[in-house]
Amino acid sequence: MDLDQEQPGKGSLAEKAEPWESWETALVWWSIGVGLAGLIVLGWLVDRFILT
């Protein structure tokens, strides 16, 4: 077997994380939280002012 060939199972998922991974993860979670909060607030506003 040639040592220069890439072994199966060794891909980008096995590499070290990027330096910006921590704040990128935080950004995703904050975006999900803001989206859910917006859905709740807008759902309440629609129920309060449009449906009644």
PDB file of N, CA and C in Angstrom:
ATOM      1  N   MET A   1       0.855  -1.196   0.000  1.00  0.00           N
ATOM      2  CA  MET A   1       0.000   0.000   0.000  1.00  0.00           C
ATOM      3  C   MET A   1       0.887   1.242   0.000  1.00  0.00           C
ATOM      4  N   ASP A   2       0.524   2.195  -0.820  1.00  0.00           N
ATOM      5  CA  ASP A   2       1.291   3.427  -0.939  1.00  0.00           C
ATOM      6  C   ASP A   2       0.929   4.363   0.212  1.00  0.00           C
ATOM      7  N   LEU A   3       1.920   4.913   0.876  1.00  0.00           N
ATOM      8  CA  LEU A   3       1.668   5.789   2.022  1.00  0.00           C
ATOM      9  C   LEU A   3       1.150   7.156   1.608  1.00  0.00           C
ATOM     10  N   ASP A   4       1.324   7.522   0.334  1.00  0.00           N
ATOM     11  CA  ASP A   4       0.860   8.824  -0.132  1.00  0.00           C
ATOM     12  C   ASP A   4      -0.639   8.839  -0.415  1.00  0.00           C
ATOM     13  N   GLN A   5      -1.230   7.671  -0.539  1.00  0.00           N
ATOM     14  CA  GLN A   5      -2.668   7.618  -0.823  1.00  0.00           C
ATOM     15  C   GLN A   5      -3.463   7.936   0.430  1.00  0.00           C
ATOM     16  N   GLU A   6      -4.597   8.560   0.209  1.00  0.00           N
ATOM     17  CA  GLU A   6      -5.481   8.892   1.332  1.00  0.00           C
ATOM     18  C   GLU A   6      -6.213   7.637   1.783  1.00  0.00           C
ATOM     19  N   GLN A   7      -6.220   7.392   3.066  1.00  0.00           N
ATOM     20  CA  GLN A   7      -6.876   6.210   3.598  1.00  0.00           C
ATOM     21  C   GLN A   7      -8.381   6.442   3.672  1.00  0.00           C
ATOM     22  N   PRO A   8      -9.182   5.396   3.451  1.00  0.00           N
ATOM     23  CA  PRO A   8     -10.635   5.546   3.573  1.00  0.00           C
ATOM     24  C   PRO A   8     -11.006   5.918   5.008  1.00  0.00           C
ATOM     25  N   GLY A   9     -11.987   6.769   5.128  1.00  0.00           N
ATOM     26  CA  GLY A   9     -12.424   7.196   6.457  1.00  0.00           C
ATOM     27  C   GLY A   9     -11.695   8.419   6.967  1.00  0.00           C
ATOM     28  N   LYS A  10     -10.652   8.827   6.287  1.00  0.00           N
ATOM     29  CA  LYS A  10      -9.918  10.027   6.696  1.00  0.00           C
ATOM     30  C   LYS A  10     -10.371  11.176   5.806  1.00  0.00           C
ATOM     31  N   GLY A  11     -11.189  12.025   6.341  1.00  0.00           N
ATOM     32  CA  GLY A  11     -11.698  13.140   5.549  1.00  0.00           C
ATOM     33  C   GLY A  11     -11.674  14.411   6.353  1.00  0.00           C
ATOM     34  N   SER A  12     -12.426  15.381   5.907  1.00  0.00           N
ATOM     35  CA  SER A  12     -12.432  16.678   6.570  1.00  0.00           C
ATOM     36  C   SER A  12     -13.052  16.600   7.969  1.00  0.00           C
ATOM     37  N   LEU A  13     -13.873  15.593   8.230  1.00  0.00           N
ATOM     38  CA  LEU A  13     -14.478  15.472   9.554  1.00  0.00           C
ATOM     39  C   LEU A  13     -13.480  15.022  10.604  1.00  0.00           C
ATOM     40  N   ALA A  14     -12.383  14.424  10.192  1.00  0.00           N
ATOM     41  CA  ALA A  14     -11.387  13.947  11.135  1.00  0.00           C
ATOM     42  C   ALA A  14     -10.340  15.013  11.438  1.00  0.00           C
ATOM     43  N   GLU A  15     -10.373  16.112  10.756  1.00  0.00           N
ATOM     44  CA  GLU A  15      -9.377  17.153  10.952  1.00  0.00           C
ATOM     45  C   GLU A  15      -9.697  18.000  12.183  1.00  0.00           C
ATOM     46  N   LYS A  16      -8.734  18.805  12.556  1.00  0.00           N
ATOM     47  CA  LYS A  16      -8.895  19.712  13.689  1.00  0.00           C
ATOM     48  C   LYS A  16      -9.905  20.817  13.347  1.00  0.00           C
ATOM     49  N   ALA A  17     -10.644  21.273  14.348  1.00  0.00           N
ATOM     50  CA  ALA A  17     -11.655  22.315  14.125  1.00  0.00           C
ATOM     51  C   ALA A  17     -10.989  23.643  13.778  1.00  0.00           C
ATOM     52  N   GLU A  18     -11.723  24.468  13.040  1.00  0.00           N
ATOM     53  CA  GLU A  18     -11.205  25.788  12.699  1.00  0.00           C
ATOM     54  C   GLU A  18     -11.172  26.661  13.940  1.00  0.00           C
ATOM     55  N   PRO A  19     -10.352  27.706  13.944  1.00  0.00           N
ATOM     56  CA  PRO A  19     -10.263  28.569  15.123  1.00  0.00           C
ATOM     57  C   PRO A  19     -11.540  29.358  15.400  1.00  0.00           C
ATOM     58  N   TRP A  20     -12.356  29.569  14.376  1.00  0.00           N
ATOM     59  CA  TRP A  20     -13.579  30.351  14.553  1.00  0.00           C
ATOM     60  C   TRP A  20     -14.791  29.476  14.859  1.00  0.00           C
ATOM     61  N   GLU A  21     -14.602  28.195  15.112  1.00  0.00           N
ATOM     62  CA  GLU A  21     -15.733  27.295  15.312  1.00  0.00           C
ATOM     63  C   GLU A  21     -16.573  27.679  16.531  1.00  0.00           C
ATOM     64  N   SER A  22     -15.954  28.130  17.598  1.00  0.00           N
ATOM     65  CA  SER A  22     -16.706  28.437  18.823  1.00  0.00           C
ATOM     66  C   SER A  22     -17.686  29.594  18.611  1.00  0.00           C
ATOM     67  N   TRP A  23     -17.239  30.685  18.012  1.00  0.00           N
ATOM     68  CA  TRP A  23     -18.173  31.807  17.826  1.00  0.00           C
ATOM     69  C   TRP A  23     -19.146  31.521  16.701  1.00  0.00           C
ATOM     70  N   GLU A  24     -18.763  30.686  15.750  1.00  0.00           N
ATOM     71  CA  GLU A  24     -19.700  30.317  14.690  1.00  0.00           C
ATOM     72  C   GLU A  24     -20.847  29.474  15.262  1.00  0.00           C
ATOM     73  N   THR A  25     -20.520  28.566  16.155  1.00  0.00           N
ATOM     74  CA  THR A  25     -21.542  27.761  16.824  1.00  0.00           C
ATOM     75  C   THR A  25     -22.452  28.646  17.665  1.00  0.00           C
ATOM     76  N   ALA A  26     -21.863  29.597  18.389  1.00  0.00           N
ATOM     77  CA  ALA A  26     -22.662  30.519  19.193  1.00  0.00           C
ATOM     78  C   ALA A  26     -23.590  31.349  18.297  1.00  0.00           C
ATOM     79  N   LEU A  27     -23.096  31.763  17.150  1.00  0.00           N
ATOM     80  CA  LEU A  27     -23.907  32.548  16.221  1.00  0.00           C
ATOM     81  C   LEU A  27     -25.104  31.745  15.717  1.00  0.00           C
ATOM     82  N   VAL A  28     -24.882  30.468  15.424  1.00  0.00           N
ATOM     83  CA  VAL A  28     -25.982  29.614  14.970  1.00  0.00           C
ATOM     84  C   VAL A  28     -27.027  29.467  16.060  1.00  0.00           C
ATOM     85  N   TRP A  29     -26.594  29.203  17.298  1.00  0.00           N
ATOM     86  CA  TRP A  29     -27.557  29.038  18.399  1.00  0.00           C
ATOM     87  C   TRP A  29     -28.308  30.324  18.685  1.00  0.00           C
ATOM     88  N   TRP A  30     -27.631  31.481  18.629  1.00  0.00           N
ATOM     89  CA  TRP A  30     -28.309  32.764  18.826  1.00  0.00           C
ATOM     90  C   TRP A  30     -29.321  33.012  17.708  1.00  0.00           C
ATOM     91  N   SER A  31     -28.962  32.654  16.483  1.00  0.00           N
ATOM     92  CA  SER A  31     -29.882  32.841  15.352  1.00  0.00           C
ATOM     93  C   SER A  31     -31.128  31.976  15.510  1.00  0.00           C
ATOM     94  N   ILE A  32     -30.946  30.740  15.945  1.00  0.00           N
ATOM     95  CA  ILE A  32     -32.093  29.859  16.188  1.00  0.00           C
ATOM     96  C   ILE A  32     -32.966  30.427  17.302  1.00  0.00           C
ATOM     97  N   GLY A  33     -32.355  30.916  18.370  1.00  0.00           N
ATOM     98  CA  GLY A  33     -33.105  31.501  19.485  1.00  0.00           C
ATOM     99  C   GLY A  33     -33.885  32.734  19.077  1.00  0.00           C
ATOM    100  N   VAL A  34     -33.254  33.616  18.315  1.00  0.00           N
ATOM    101  CA  VAL A  34     -33.944  34.830  17.855  1.00  0.00           C
ATOM    102  C   VAL A  34     -35.082  34.467  16.907  1.00  0.00           C
ATOM    103  N   GLY A  35     -34.862  33.469  16.062  1.00  0.00           N
ATOM    104  CA  GLY A  35     -35.922  33.025  15.155  1.00  0.00           C
ATOM    105  C   GLY A  35     -37.118  32.463  15.903  1.00  0.00           C
ATOM    106  N   LEU A  36     -36.860  31.640  16.905  1.00  0.00           N
ATOM    107  CA  LEU A  36     -37.964  31.085  17.700  1.00  0.00           C
ATOM    108  C   LEU A  36     -38.695  32.173  18.481  1.00  0.00           C
ATOM    109  N   ALA A  37     -37.939  33.105  19.057  1.00  0.00           N
ATOM    110  CA  ALA A  37     -38.574  34.216  19.774  1.00  0.00           C
ATOM    111  C   ALA A  37     -39.422  35.056  18.821  1.00  0.00           C
ATOM    112  N   GLY A  38     -38.926  35.286  17.611  1.00  0.00           N
ATOM    113  CA  GLY A  38     -39.697  36.033  16.616  1.00  0.00           C
ATOM    114  C   GLY A  38     -40.975  35.312  16.237  1.00  0.00           C
ATOM    115  N   LEU A  39     -40.905  33.992  16.088  1.00  0.00           N
ATOM    116  CA  LEU A  39     -42.116  33.230  15.780  1.00  0.00           C
ATOM    117  C   LEU A  39     -43.145  33.346  16.897  1.00  0.00           C
ATOM    118  N   ILE A  40     -42.691  33.298  18.129  1.00  0.00           N
ATOM    119  CA  ILE A  40     -43.616  33.396  19.263  1.00  0.00           C
ATOM    120  C   ILE A  40     -44.255  34.777  19.310  1.00  0.00           C
ATOM    121  N   VAL A  41     -43.431  35.813  19.192  1.00  0.00           N
ATOM    122  CA  VAL A  41     -43.954  37.187  19.259  1.00  0.00           C
ATOM    123  C   VAL A  41     -44.881  37.473  18.080  1.00  0.00           C
ATOM    124  N   LEU A  42     -44.465  37.112  16.881  1.00  0.00           N
ATOM    125  CA  LEU A  42     -45.310  37.379  15.720  1.00  0.00           C
ATOM    126  C   LEU A  42     -46.576  36.527  15.744  1.00  0.00           C
ATOM    127  N   GLY A  43     -46.476  35.309  16.235  1.00  0.00           N
ATOM    128  CA  GLY A  43     -47.675  34.478  16.383  1.00  0.00           C
ATOM    129  C   GLY A  43     -48.659  35.096  17.350  1.00  0.00           C
ATOM    130  N   TRP A  44     -48.147  35.638  18.446  1.00  0.00           N
ATOM    131  CA  TRP A  44     -49.023  36.298  19.419  1.00  0.00           C
ATOM    132  C   TRP A  44     -49.650  37.553  18.804  1.00  0.00           C
ATOM    133  N   LEU A  45     -48.860  38.327  18.066  1.00  0.00           N
ATOM    134  CA  LEU A  45     -49.393  39.545  17.444  1.00  0.00           C
ATOM    135  C   LEU A  45     -50.480  39.220  16.418  1.00  0.00           C
ATOM    136  N   VAL A  46     -50.273  38.204  15.620  1.00  0.00           N
ATOM    137  CA  VAL A  46     -51.288  37.803  14.637  1.00  0.00           C
ATOM    138  C   VAL A  46     -52.550  37.342  15.348  1.00  0.00           C
ATOM    139  N   ASP A  47     -52.380  36.548  16.391  1.00  0.00           N
ATOM    140  CA  ASP A  47     -53.540  36.071  17.141  1.00  0.00           C
ATOM    141  C   ASP A  47     -54.290  37.237  17.797  1.00  0.00           C
ATOM    142  N   ARG A  48     -53.565  38.184  18.334  1.00  0.00           N
ATOM    143  CA  ARG A  48     -54.168  39.292  19.077  1.00  0.00           C
ATOM    144  C   ARG A  48     -54.867  40.297  18.172  1.00  0.00           C
ATOM    145  N   PHE A  49     -54.217  40.683  17.073  1.00  0.00           N
ATOM    146  CA  PHE A  49     -54.724  41.799  16.281  1.00  0.00           C
ATOM    147  C   PHE A  49     -55.411  41.389  14.971  1.00  0.00           C
ATOM    148  N   ILE A  50     -55.116  40.231  14.434  1.00  0.00           N
ATOM    149  CA  ILE A  50     -55.705  39.853  13.147  1.00  0.00           C
ATOM    150  C   ILE A  50     -56.820  38.819  13.313  1.00  0.00           C
ATOM    151  N   LEU A  51     -56.594  37.827  14.131  1.00  0.00           N
ATOM    152  CA  LEU A  51     -57.571  36.735  14.249  1.00  0.00           C
ATOM    153  C   LEU A  51     -58.730  37.061  15.187  1.00  0.00           C
ATOM    154  N   THR A  52     -58.612  38.060  16.034  1.00  0.00           N
ATOM    155  CA  THR A  52     -59.715  38.381  16.948  1.00  0.00           C
ATOM    156  C   THR A  52     -60.447  39.623  16.519  1.00  0.00           C
TER     157      THR A  52
END
